[in-house]
Amino acid sequence: MTTKQTFSHEWSLICQRSLVDRESNLLSIIDAIEQVTITVPGPVGESSDEPRISMPIHVVSRFRKLTDTGKELGLEVLYEVRNPAGKMVGDAVPVSIVMKNGIRNYRTRVTLGRVPMNSSGLYMVHVKAREVGEVAYKRVGSAPLEVVINR
């Protein structure tokens, strides 16, 4: 169990895509998404648990090393999407991070696949993390996505 916090989650956001310039390592975030409106043709059963709509979600996050121990810091990050009822939808996506000695900032870019969406409301991408070797994940951040489904 970690006694002193060694990292922090600075931010996460949802976007259509992101690019990293190979020469400068600068990150370009393309089309940040806070709300999406989807029009569904024909009748769709609101009560059905069967996914009627799905879309890929691309998440960019930034983590920061808080202590400089002269060692690498390994993190295991887990991204989960929760629907307006708080139920997890789609699959959780794990990402491994290694912050090498002397590196204090680390960005992740992950596509969560096609996330099923059956109802309008606030969907949340929860970011959970733990140091390598720890048992439990801790939620360290989230990114909201408002979904409006017009029927």
Foldseek 3Di string as FASTA:
>chain_A
DDPDDFKAWDDKFWAPDKDADPPPRDIDGHGTAAEDEAEDPDDDDLPDPDFDFWDKIKMKTKMFTDDQPQAKWKKKKWKFKAAQVRHTWADIDIDIDIQGHPRTMDMDIDIRPITGDRAFAKMKIWMWMDTPPDDDTDTRDIYIYGYHYHD
